[in-house]
């Protein structure tokens, strides 16, 4: 893992856990299965590093981001798309999720479609130390509006499409993240289900950081939207002045069930981290993309 990627991981982890007592940052051991390990004979995708410092939607910010291109990608066949917030955490092949490894294995096995992965770190203000805090993270991730969706759709995705073909089918567009990145993923799909219809939220911050605690009520009161949602949470998650993460995720699940959404949960005893989410990530992908692959 290169220095900039390591710095992004460290900065994002520090922001996630800075306010958490040690007991809440811990949890039982969660083991990774074979789908999260490199397997012989499985072709590896390519990861292309990018940077973005000319945003009109988040002025005076810069950020690192990466594109994963599976080995099976062909220019004559548009690929599916999945975007990850706190991208360096999900990209890290020594970390708890290891998205490129899982994607390589599942695409090779025909258990998910050929998918371009886009890994976007939160913005830091121009001139900030790249190893320092990503100070625009909460504004970007916790705000309940279409601003971050527009950032992806008007700036990041068009840049990806200059090089790679991505399908226009919203059923093959997914987005995921951890904590504030998890509620951000839901917000993007909630605001723009015409583009993103699949959501993965790991210990999502459906709490009152910037008003996210209203989502369970909004889900119950609004006409159902055509989105599929995976929620992961743990009993040792955060309990702060912004709210109780474990209870907030259960409230979201209850509202999704009431409103008739296609959703799935993974509950456990984990804390505010990616350990549990990473251990179930291959099965999460199988469930999320279950109708986007051809039967053998």
C-alpha atoms as a PDB file:
ATOM      1  CA  UNK A   1       0.000   0.000   0.000  1.00  0.00           C
ATOM      2  CA  UNK A   2       1.561   3.339  -1.000  1.00  0.00           C
ATOM      3  CA  UNK A   3       2.113   6.263   1.372  1.00  0.00           C
ATOM      4  CA  UNK A   4      -0.848   8.339   0.210  1.00  0.00           C
ATOM      5  CA  UNK A   5      -3.203   5.381   0.537  1.00  0.00           C
ATOM      6  CA  UNK A   6      -1.867   4.611   4.006  1.00  0.00           C
ATOM      7  CA  UNK A   7      -2.295   8.256   5.007  1.00  0.00           C
ATOM      8  CA  UNK A   8      -5.885   8.234   3.779  1.00  0.00           C
ATOM      9  CA  UNK A   9      -6.655   5.106   5.767  1.00  0.00           C
ATOM     10  CA  UNK A  10      -5.111   6.503   8.931  1.00  0.00           C
ATOM     11  CA  UNK A  11      -6.895   9.848   8.655  1.00  0.00           C
ATOM     12  CA  UNK A  12     -10.285   8.265   8.034  1.00  0.00           C
ATOM     13  CA  UNK A  13      -9.906   5.758  10.862  1.00  0.00           C
ATOM     14  CA  UNK A  14      -8.880   8.506  13.245  1.00  0.00           C
ATOM     15  CA  UNK A  15     -12.001  10.496  12.446  1.00  0.00           C
ATOM     16  CA  UNK A  16     -14.242   7.463  12.863  1.00  0.00           C
ATOM     17  CA  UNK A  17     -12.913   6.433  16.269  1.00  0.00           C
ATOM     18  CA  UNK A  18     -11.702   9.653  17.878  1.00  0.00           C
ATOM     19  CA  UNK A  19     -14.865  10.150  19.918  1.00  0.00           C
ATOM     20  CA  UNK A  20     -15.376   6.495  20.811  1.00  0.00           C
ATOM     21  CA  UNK A  21     -14.442   4.962  24.186  1.00  0.00           C
ATOM     22  CA  UNK A  22     -12.131   1.983  23.725  1.00  0.00           C
ATOM     23  CA  UNK A  23     -14.805  -0.528  24.649  1.00  0.00           C
ATOM     24  CA  UNK A  24     -17.025   0.733  21.838  1.00  0.00           C
ATOM     25  CA  UNK A  25     -14.248   0.568  19.270  1.00  0.00           C
ATOM     26  CA  UNK A  26     -13.721  -3.108  20.044  1.00  0.00           C
ATOM     27  CA  UNK A  27     -15.759  -6.237  19.470  1.00  0.00           C
ATOM     28  CA  UNK A  28     -15.468  -9.961  19.081  1.00  0.00           C
ATOM     29  CA  UNK A  29     -13.027 -11.273  16.482  1.00  0.00           C
ATOM     30  CA  UNK A  30     -14.512 -11.530  12.991  1.00  0.00           C
ATOM     31  CA  UNK A  31     -12.653 -13.787  10.589  1.00  0.00           C
ATOM     32  CA  UNK A  32     -12.317 -13.314   6.864  1.00  0.00           C
ATOM     33  CA  UNK A  33     -13.256 -16.232   4.623  1.00  0.00           C
ATOM     34  CA  UNK A  34     -11.585 -17.489   1.437  1.00  0.00           C
ATOM     35  CA  UNK A  35     -13.473 -15.002  -0.735  1.00  0.00           C
ATOM     36  CA  UNK A  36     -11.491 -12.228   0.978  1.00  0.00           C
ATOM     37  CA  UNK A  37      -8.116 -13.847   0.257  1.00  0.00           C
ATOM     38  CA  UNK A  38      -6.150 -14.049  -2.974  1.00  0.00           C
ATOM     39  CA  UNK A  39      -6.946 -17.310  -4.782  1.00  0.00           C
ATOM     40  CA  UNK A  40      -4.736 -19.060  -7.339  1.00  0.00           C
ATOM     41  CA  UNK A  41      -5.899 -18.719 -10.905  1.00  0.00           C
ATOM     42  CA  UNK A  42      -8.104 -15.683 -10.262  1.00  0.00           C
ATOM     43  CA  UNK A  43      -7.147 -12.751 -12.515  1.00  0.00           C
ATOM     44  CA  UNK A  44      -6.470  -9.474 -10.735  1.00  0.00           C
ATOM     45  CA  UNK A  45      -8.103  -6.210 -11.614  1.00  0.00           C
ATOM     46  CA  UNK A  46      -6.172  -2.970 -11.964  1.00  0.00           C
ATOM     47  CA  UNK A  47      -6.333  -0.033  -9.518  1.00  0.00           C
ATOM     48  CA  UNK A  48      -5.739   3.412 -11.009  1.00  0.00           C
ATOM     49  CA  UNK A  49      -4.925   6.298  -8.630  1.00  0.00           C
ATOM     50  CA  UNK A  50      -6.455   9.709  -9.254  1.00  0.00           C
ATOM     51  CA  UNK A  51      -6.706  13.074  -7.494  1.00  0.00           C
ATOM     52  CA  UNK A  52      -9.422  15.718  -7.634  1.00  0.00           C
ATOM     53  CA  UNK A  53      -8.818  19.360  -6.797  1.00  0.00           C
ATOM     54  CA  UNK A  54     -11.121  21.295  -9.104  1.00  0.00           C
ATOM     55  CA  UNK A  55     -14.559  20.646  -7.607  1.00  0.00           C
ATOM     56  CA  UNK A  56     -17.240  23.238  -8.293  1.00  0.00           C
ATOM     57  CA  UNK A  57     -19.598  21.533  -5.830  1.00  0.00           C
ATOM     58  CA  UNK A  58     -17.087  21.441  -2.956  1.00  0.00           C
ATOM     59  CA  UNK A  59     -14.838  24.416  -3.766  1.00  0.00           C
ATOM     60  CA  UNK A  60     -11.334  24.696  -2.312  1.00  0.00           C
ATOM     61  CA  UNK A  61     -11.095  20.981  -1.572  1.00  0.00           C
ATOM     62  CA  UNK A  62      -8.803  18.276  -2.841  1.00  0.00           C
ATOM     63  CA  UNK A  63      -8.989  14.520  -2.438  1.00  0.00           C
ATOM     64  CA  UNK A  64      -7.499  11.206  -3.461  1.00  0.00           C
ATOM     65  CA  UNK A  65      -9.611   8.658  -5.273  1.00  0.00           C
ATOM     66  CA  UNK A  66      -9.088   5.420  -7.152  1.00  0.00           C
ATOM     67  CA  UNK A  67     -10.704   3.357  -9.909  1.00  0.00           C
ATOM     68  CA  UNK A  68     -10.745  -0.437  -9.783  1.00  0.00           C
ATOM     69  CA  UNK A  69     -11.062  -2.076 -13.198  1.00  0.00           C
ATOM     70  CA  UNK A  70     -11.720  -5.840 -13.191  1.00  0.00           C
ATOM     71  CA  UNK A  71      -9.670  -8.060 -15.457  1.00  0.00           C
ATOM     72  CA  UNK A  72     -12.872  -9.110 -17.230  1.00  0.00           C
ATOM     73  CA  UNK A  73     -13.766  -5.550 -18.259  1.00  0.00           C
ATOM     74  CA  UNK A  74     -14.214  -5.115 -22.013  1.00  0.00           C
ATOM     75  CA  UNK A  75     -14.782  -1.840 -23.838  1.00  0.00           C
ATOM     76  CA  UNK A  76     -17.675  -3.300 -25.833  1.00  0.00           C
ATOM     77  CA  UNK A  77     -19.644  -4.295 -22.696  1.00  0.00           C
ATOM     78  CA  UNK A  78     -20.659  -1.555 -20.221  1.00  0.00           C
ATOM     79  CA  UNK A  79     -19.753  -2.438 -16.645  1.00  0.00           C
ATOM     80  CA  UNK A  80     -21.743  -2.091 -13.454  1.00  0.00           C
ATOM     81  CA  UNK A  81     -20.628   0.583 -10.987  1.00  0.00           C
ATOM     82  CA  UNK A  82     -20.048   0.643  -7.235  1.00  0.00           C
ATOM     83  CA  UNK A  83     -18.843   3.731  -5.351  1.00  0.00           C
ATOM     84  CA  UNK A  84     -17.296   3.670  -1.867  1.00  0.00           C
ATOM     85  CA  UNK A  85     -16.935   6.601   0.527  1.00  0.00           C
ATOM     86  CA  UNK A  86     -13.757   6.636   2.659  1.00  0.00           C
ATOM     87  CA  UNK A  87     -12.375   4.864  -0.361  1.00  0.00           C
ATOM     88  CA  UNK A  88      -8.906   4.086   0.987  1.00  0.00           C
ATOM     89  CA  UNK A  89     -10.397   1.989   3.797  1.00  0.00           C
ATOM     90  CA  UNK A  90     -12.264  -0.228   1.345  1.00  0.00           C
ATOM     91  CA  UNK A  91      -9.409  -0.419  -1.129  1.00  0.00           C
ATOM     92  CA  UNK A  92      -6.778  -1.582   1.381  1.00  0.00           C
ATOM     93  CA  UNK A  93      -5.925  -5.235   0.635  1.00  0.00           C
ATOM     94  CA  UNK A  94      -4.612  -5.717   4.180  1.00  0.00           C
ATOM     95  CA  UNK A  95      -7.703  -4.201   5.770  1.00  0.00           C
ATOM     96  CA  UNK A  96     -10.976  -5.719   6.963  1.00  0.00           C
ATOM     97  CA  UNK A  97     -12.962  -5.457   3.689  1.00  0.00           C
ATOM     98  CA  UNK A  98     -10.475  -5.832   0.798  1.00  0.00           C
ATOM     99  CA  UNK A  99     -12.883  -4.884  -1.956  1.00  0.00           C
ATOM    100  CA  UNK A 100     -10.518  -5.524  -4.916  1.00  0.00           C
ATOM    101  CA  UNK A 101      -9.823  -9.056  -3.668  1.00  0.00           C
ATOM    102  CA  UNK A 102     -13.505  -9.837  -3.107  1.00  0.00           C
ATOM    103  CA  UNK A 103     -14.486  -8.317  -6.449  1.00  0.00           C
ATOM    104  CA  UNK A 104     -11.794 -10.320  -8.256  1.00  0.00           C
ATOM    105  CA  UNK A 105     -12.985 -13.571  -6.670  1.00  0.00           C
ATOM    106  CA  UNK A 106     -16.740 -13.040  -7.086  1.00  0.00           C
ATOM    107  CA  UNK A 107     -16.542 -11.680 -10.632  1.00  0.00           C
ATOM    108  CA  UNK A 108     -14.347 -14.633 -11.595  1.00  0.00           C
ATOM    109  CA  UNK A 109     -16.898 -17.020 -10.043  1.00  0.00           C
ATOM    110  CA  UNK A 110     -19.813 -15.326 -11.833  1.00  0.00           C
ATOM    111  CA  UNK A 111     -21.397 -14.318  -8.519  1.00  0.00           C
ATOM    112  CA  UNK A 112     -21.485 -10.598  -9.263  1.00  0.00           C
ATOM    113  CA  UNK A 113     -21.378  -8.624 -12.510  1.00  0.00           C
ATOM    114  CA  UNK A 114     -18.266  -7.110 -14.027  1.00  0.00           C
ATOM    115  CA  UNK A 115     -18.114  -3.984 -11.884  1.00  0.00           C
ATOM    116  CA  UNK A 116     -16.023  -0.825 -11.971  1.00  0.00           C
ATOM    117  CA  UNK A 117     -15.199   0.233  -8.405  1.00  0.00           C
ATOM    118  CA  UNK A 118     -14.772   3.911  -7.530  1.00  0.00           C
ATOM    119  CA  UNK A 119     -13.145   4.681  -4.177  1.00  0.00           C
ATOM    120  CA  UNK A 120     -13.418   8.318  -3.095  1.00  0.00           C
ATOM    121  CA  UNK A 121     -11.816   9.812   0.000  1.00  0.00           C
ATOM    122  CA  UNK A 122     -13.488  12.814   1.658  1.00  0.00           C
ATOM    123  CA  UNK A 123     -12.219  16.247   0.744  1.00  0.00           C
ATOM    124  CA  UNK A 124      -9.574  18.118   2.666  1.00  0.00           C
ATOM    125  CA  UNK A 125      -9.225  21.843   2.283  1.00  0.00           C
ATOM    126  CA  UNK A 126      -6.686  22.869  -0.346  1.00  0.00           C
ATOM    127  CA  UNK A 127      -3.233  23.112   1.170  1.00  0.00           C
ATOM    128  CA  UNK A 128      -3.975  20.896   4.180  1.00  0.00           C
ATOM    129  CA  UNK A 129      -1.481  18.252   5.208  1.00  0.00           C
ATOM    130  CA  UNK A 130      -2.508  15.100   3.250  1.00  0.00           C
ATOM    131  CA  UNK A 131      -1.891  13.051   6.398  1.00  0.00           C
ATOM    132  CA  UNK A 132      -4.036  15.361   8.511  1.00  0.00           C
ATOM    133  CA  UNK A 133      -7.791  15.257   9.153  1.00  0.00           C
ATOM    134  CA  UNK A 134     -10.163  15.313   6.200  1.00  0.00           C
ATOM    135  CA  UNK A 135     -12.054  18.318   7.478  1.00  0.00           C
ATOM    136  CA  UNK A 136     -14.814  18.360   4.884  1.00  0.00           C
ATOM    137  CA  UNK A 137     -15.906  14.801   5.643  1.00  0.00           C
ATOM    138  CA  UNK A 138     -18.928  15.514   7.839  1.00  0.00           C
ATOM    139  CA  UNK A 139     -20.258  18.256   5.562  1.00  0.00           C
ATOM    140  CA  UNK A 140     -20.037  15.950   2.566  1.00  0.00           C
ATOM    141  CA  UNK A 141     -21.280  12.757   4.208  1.00  0.00           C
ATOM    142  CA  UNK A 142     -23.730  13.757   6.952  1.00  0.00           C
ATOM    143  CA  UNK A 143     -25.640  16.478   5.096  1.00  0.00           C
ATOM    144  CA  UNK A 144     -29.144  15.476   4.008  1.00  0.00           C
ATOM    145  CA  UNK A 145     -29.292  16.888   0.486  1.00  0.00           C
ATOM    146  CA  UNK A 146     -28.437  16.007  -3.092  1.00  0.00           C
ATOM    147  CA  UNK A 147     -25.080  17.816  -2.926  1.00  0.00           C
ATOM    148  CA  UNK A 148     -22.852  14.754  -2.634  1.00  0.00           C
ATOM    149  CA  UNK A 149     -24.923  12.896  -5.232  1.00  0.00           C
ATOM    150  CA  UNK A 150     -24.353  15.811  -7.605  1.00  0.00           C
ATOM    151  CA  UNK A 151     -20.636  15.712  -6.833  1.00  0.00           C
ATOM    152  CA  UNK A 152     -20.531  12.078  -7.920  1.00  0.00           C
ATOM    153  CA  UNK A 153     -22.840  12.441 -10.911  1.00  0.00           C
ATOM    154  CA  UNK A 154     -21.502  15.733 -12.253  1.00  0.00           C
ATOM    155  CA  UNK A 155     -17.801  15.409 -11.468  1.00  0.00           C
ATOM    156  CA  UNK A 156     -16.463  11.983 -10.480  1.00  0.00           C
ATOM    157  CA  UNK A 157     -18.521   9.588 -12.619  1.00  0.00           C
ATOM    158  CA  UNK A 158     -18.120  11.645 -15.821  1.00  0.00           C
ATOM    159  CA  UNK A 159     -14.366  11.550 -15.256  1.00  0.00           C
ATOM    160  CA  UNK A 160     -14.521   7.754 -14.941  1.00  0.00           C
ATOM    161  CA  UNK A 161     -16.587   7.557 -18.094  1.00  0.00           C
ATOM    162  CA  UNK A 162     -13.960   9.380 -20.101  1.00  0.00           C
ATOM    163  CA  UNK A 163     -11.925   6.185 -19.932  1.00  0.00           C
ATOM    164  CA  UNK A 164     -14.337   3.351 -19.103  1.00  0.00           C
ATOM    165  CA  UNK A 165     -17.814   2.357 -20.225  1.00  0.00           C
ATOM    166  CA  UNK A 166     -20.410   2.162 -17.447  1.00  0.00           C
ATOM    167  CA  UNK A 167     -23.979   1.001 -17.895  1.00  0.00           C
ATOM    168  CA  UNK A 168     -26.860   3.475 -17.693  1.00  0.00           C
ATOM    169  CA  UNK A 169     -29.013   0.884 -15.912  1.00  0.00           C
ATOM    170  CA  UNK A 170     -29.614   2.196 -12.355  1.00  0.00           C
ATOM    171  CA  UNK A 171     -30.185  -1.362 -11.142  1.00  0.00           C
ATOM    172  CA  UNK A 172     -26.470  -1.899 -11.736  1.00  0.00           C
ATOM    173  CA  UNK A 173     -25.294   1.159  -9.804  1.00  0.00           C
ATOM    174  CA  UNK A 174     -24.383   0.646  -6.137  1.00  0.00           C
ATOM    175  CA  UNK A 175     -22.872   2.748  -3.368  1.00  0.00           C
ATOM    176  CA  UNK A 176     -21.501   1.966   0.087  1.00  0.00           C
ATOM    177  CA  UNK A 177     -19.658   3.331   3.082  1.00  0.00           C
ATOM    178  CA  UNK A 178     -18.955   3.176   6.799  1.00  0.00           C
ATOM    179  CA  UNK A 179     -20.368   5.406   9.546  1.00  0.00           C
ATOM    180  CA  UNK A 180     -21.017   8.855   8.030  1.00  0.00           C
ATOM    181  CA  UNK A 181     -20.081   7.285   4.693  1.00  0.00           C
ATOM    182  CA  UNK A 182     -22.884   4.769   5.278  1.00  0.00           C
ATOM    183  CA  UNK A 183     -25.598   7.369   5.752  1.00  0.00           C
ATOM    184  CA  UNK A 184     -24.096   9.215   2.790  1.00  0.00           C
ATOM    185  CA  UNK A 185     -24.575   6.120   0.635  1.00  0.00           C
ATOM    186  CA  UNK A 186     -28.226   5.959   1.665  1.00  0.00           C
ATOM    187  CA  UNK A 187     -28.693   9.700   1.045  1.00  0.00           C
ATOM    188  CA  UNK A 188     -27.289   9.409  -2.490  1.00  0.00           C
ATOM    189  CA  UNK A 189     -29.721   6.609  -3.360  1.00  0.00           C
ATOM    190  CA  UNK A 190     -32.604   8.339  -1.543  1.00  0.00           C
ATOM    191  CA  UNK A 191     -32.031  11.557  -3.483  1.00  0.00           C
ATOM    192  CA  UNK A 192     -31.153   9.936  -6.818  1.00  0.00           C
ATOM    193  CA  UNK A 193     -32.786   6.506  -7.191  1.00  0.00           C
ATOM    194  CA  UNK A 194     -32.847   7.214 -10.912  1.00  0.00           C
ATOM    195  CA  UNK A 195     -29.090   6.511 -10.813  1.00  0.00           C
ATOM    196  CA  UNK A 196     -28.173   4.564  -7.635  1.00  0.00           C
ATOM    197  CA  UNK A 197     -30.424   1.720  -6.470  1.00  0.00           C
ATOM    198  CA  UNK A 198     -28.183  -0.452  -4.307  1.00  0.00           C
ATOM    199  CA  UNK A 199     -26.864   0.618  -0.890  1.00  0.00           C
ATOM    200  CA  UNK A 200     -24.408  -0.921   1.583  1.00  0.00           C
ATOM    201  CA  UNK A 201     -24.169   0.776   4.972  1.00  0.00           C
ATOM    202  CA  UNK A 202     -21.646  -0.406   7.558  1.00  0.00           C
ATOM    203  CA  UNK A 203     -22.424   0.981  11.051  1.00  0.00           C
ATOM    204  CA  UNK A 204     -24.199   3.873   9.344  1.00  0.00           C
ATOM    205  CA  UNK A 205     -24.554   7.183  11.193  1.00  0.00           C
ATOM    206  CA  UNK A 206     -28.354   7.470  11.137  1.00  0.00           C
ATOM    207  CA  UNK A 207     -28.013   9.808  14.101  1.00  0.00           C
ATOM    208  CA  UNK A 208     -28.290  13.552  14.681  1.00  0.00           C
ATOM    209  CA  UNK A 209     -24.890  14.705  13.438  1.00  0.00           C
ATOM    210  CA  UNK A 210     -26.533  16.833  10.750  1.00  0.00           C
ATOM    211  CA  UNK A 211     -30.125  15.653  11.005  1.00  0.00           C
ATOM    212  CA  UNK A 212     -29.769  12.033   9.870  1.00  0.00           C
ATOM    213  CA  UNK A 213     -31.960  10.800  12.737  1.00  0.00           C
ATOM    214  CA  UNK A 214     -35.030  11.811  10.692  1.00  0.00           C
ATOM    215  CA  UNK A 215     -34.567   9.042   8.124  1.00  0.00           C
ATOM    216  CA  UNK A 216     -36.620   6.329   9.895  1.00  0.00           C
ATOM    217  CA  UNK A 217     -39.582   8.713   9.952  1.00  0.00           C
ATOM    218  CA  UNK A 218     -39.015   9.826   6.353  1.00  0.00           C
ATOM    219  CA  UNK A 219     -38.855   6.213   5.168  1.00  0.00           C
ATOM    220  CA  UNK A 220     -42.184   5.442   6.866  1.00  0.00           C
ATOM    221  CA  UNK A 221     -43.952   8.537   5.567  1.00  0.00           C
ATOM    222  CA  UNK A 222     -42.636   8.604   1.989  1.00  0.00           C
ATOM    223  CA  UNK A 223     -43.644   6.551  -1.006  1.00  0.00           C
ATOM    224  CA  UNK A 224     -41.201   3.618  -1.320  1.00  0.00           C
ATOM    225  CA  UNK A 225     -38.251   4.231  -3.588  1.00  0.00           C
ATOM    226  CA  UNK A 226     -36.810   1.495  -5.845  1.00  0.00           C
ATOM    227  CA  UNK A 227     -33.669   0.926  -3.792  1.00  0.00           C
ATOM    228  CA  UNK A 228     -32.162  -2.152  -2.145  1.00  0.00           C
ATOM    229  CA  UNK A 229     -30.473  -1.622   1.231  1.00  0.00           C
ATOM    230  CA  UNK A 230     -28.000  -3.632   3.314  1.00  0.00           C
ATOM    231  CA  UNK A 231     -27.481  -2.507   6.926  1.00  0.00           C
ATOM    232  CA  UNK A 232     -24.785  -3.804   9.278  1.00  0.00           C
ATOM    233  CA  UNK A 233     -24.613  -2.820  12.925  1.00  0.00           C
ATOM    234  CA  UNK A 234     -23.332  -3.971  16.306  1.00  0.00           C
ATOM    235  CA  UNK A 235     -24.325  -3.793  19.945  1.00  0.00           C
ATOM    236  CA  UNK A 236     -20.969  -2.196  20.860  1.00  0.00           C
ATOM    237  CA  UNK A 237     -21.359   0.688  18.456  1.00  0.00           C
ATOM    238  CA  UNK A 238     -21.184   4.343  19.510  1.00  0.00           C
ATOM    239  CA  UNK A 239     -23.492   5.945  22.075  1.00  0.00           C
ATOM    240  CA  UNK A 240     -22.737   9.687  21.977  1.00  0.00           C
ATOM    241  CA  UNK A 241     -24.548  13.005  22.235  1.00  0.00           C
ATOM    242  CA  UNK A 242     -25.466  12.597  18.555  1.00  0.00           C
ATOM    243  CA  UNK A 243     -27.365   9.396  19.303  1.00  0.00           C
ATOM    244  CA  UNK A 244     -27.058   5.645  19.683  1.00  0.00           C
ATOM    245  CA  UNK A 245     -25.769   4.055  16.462  1.00  0.00           C
ATOM    246  CA  UNK A 246     -26.997   0.536  17.299  1.00  0.00           C
ATOM    247  CA  UNK A 247     -30.539   1.696  18.044  1.00  0.00           C
ATOM    248  CA  UNK A 248     -30.583   4.057  15.066  1.00  0.00           C
ATOM    249  CA  UNK A 249     -29.734   1.237  12.659  1.00  0.00           C
ATOM    250  CA  UNK A 250     -32.446  -0.953  14.154  1.00  0.00           C
ATOM    251  CA  UNK A 251     -34.928   1.905  13.714  1.00  0.00           C
ATOM    252  CA  UNK A 252     -33.886   2.175  10.071  1.00  0.00           C
ATOM    253  CA  UNK A 253     -34.379  -1.548   9.551  1.00  0.00           C
ATOM    254  CA  UNK A 254     -37.818  -1.407  11.175  1.00  0.00           C
ATOM    255  CA  UNK A 255     -38.856   1.472   8.927  1.00  0.00           C
ATOM    256  CA  UNK A 256     -37.529  -0.226   5.798  1.00  0.00           C
ATOM    257  CA  UNK A 257     -39.518  -3.330   6.699  1.00  0.00           C
ATOM    258  CA  UNK A 258     -42.668  -1.287   7.395  1.00  0.00           C
ATOM    259  CA  UNK A 259     -42.373   0.503   4.053  1.00  0.00           C
ATOM    260  CA  UNK A 260     -41.818  -2.718   2.114  1.00  0.00           C
ATOM    261  CA  UNK A 261     -38.230  -2.213   1.002  1.00  0.00           C
ATOM    262  CA  UNK A 262     -35.926  -4.930  -0.288  1.00  0.00           C
ATOM    263  CA  UNK A 263     -33.416  -4.915   2.568  1.00  0.00           C
ATOM    264  CA  UNK A 264     -31.162  -7.145   4.621  1.00  0.00           C
ATOM    265  CA  UNK A 265     -29.393  -6.754   7.948  1.00  0.00           C
ATOM    266  CA  UNK A 266     -26.314  -8.201   9.604  1.00  0.00           C
ATOM    267  CA  UNK A 267     -26.431  -7.666  13.370  1.00  0.00           C
ATOM    268  CA  UNK A 268     -23.667  -8.627  15.777  1.00  0.00           C
ATOM    269  CA  UNK A 269     -21.657  -7.567  18.809  1.00  0.00           C
ATOM    270  CA  UNK A 270     -19.122  -5.461  16.930  1.00  0.00           C
ATOM    271  CA  UNK A 271     -18.070  -1.878  17.494  1.00  0.00           C
ATOM    272  CA  UNK A 272     -17.692   1.152  15.263  1.00  0.00           C
ATOM    273  CA  UNK A 273     -15.414  -0.386  12.666  1.00  0.00           C
ATOM    274  CA  UNK A 274     -15.397  -2.487   9.503  1.00  0.00           C
ATOM    275  CA  UNK A 275     -14.499  -5.824  11.118  1.00  0.00           C
ATOM    276  CA  UNK A 276     -17.983  -7.365  11.016  1.00  0.00           C
ATOM    277  CA  UNK A 277     -18.921  -5.683   7.739  1.00  0.00           C
ATOM    278  CA  UNK A 278     -15.742  -7.002   6.152  1.00  0.00           C
ATOM    279  CA  UNK A 279     -16.340 -10.554   7.331  1.00  0.00           C
ATOM    280  CA  UNK A 280     -19.770 -10.653   5.655  1.00  0.00           C
ATOM    281  CA  UNK A 281     -18.841  -8.506   2.654  1.00  0.00           C
ATOM    282  CA  UNK A 282     -18.649 -11.344   0.087  1.00  0.00           C
ATOM    283  CA  UNK A 283     -22.132 -12.556   1.033  1.00  0.00           C
ATOM    284  CA  UNK A 284     -23.317  -8.942   1.049  1.00  0.00           C
ATOM    285  CA  UNK A 285     -22.208  -8.633  -2.563  1.00  0.00           C
ATOM    286  CA  UNK A 286     -23.882 -11.906  -3.528  1.00  0.00           C
ATOM    287  CA  UNK A 287     -27.158 -10.664  -2.044  1.00  0.00           C
ATOM    288  CA  UNK A 288     -26.858  -7.142  -3.434  1.00  0.00           C
ATOM    289  CA  UNK A 289     -26.163  -8.297  -7.016  1.00  0.00           C
ATOM    290  CA  UNK A 290     -28.256 -11.474  -6.949  1.00  0.00           C
ATOM    291  CA  UNK A 291     -30.418 -10.480  -9.906  1.00  0.00           C
ATOM    292  CA  UNK A 292     -27.593  -8.912 -11.917  1.00  0.00           C
ATOM    293  CA  UNK A 293     -25.752 -12.102 -12.832  1.00  0.00           C
ATOM    294  CA  UNK A 294     -26.742 -14.797 -15.292  1.00  0.00           C
ATOM    295  CA  UNK A 295     -27.601 -18.252 -13.985  1.00  0.00           C
ATOM    296  CA  UNK A 296     -24.970 -20.886 -14.835  1.00  0.00           C
END
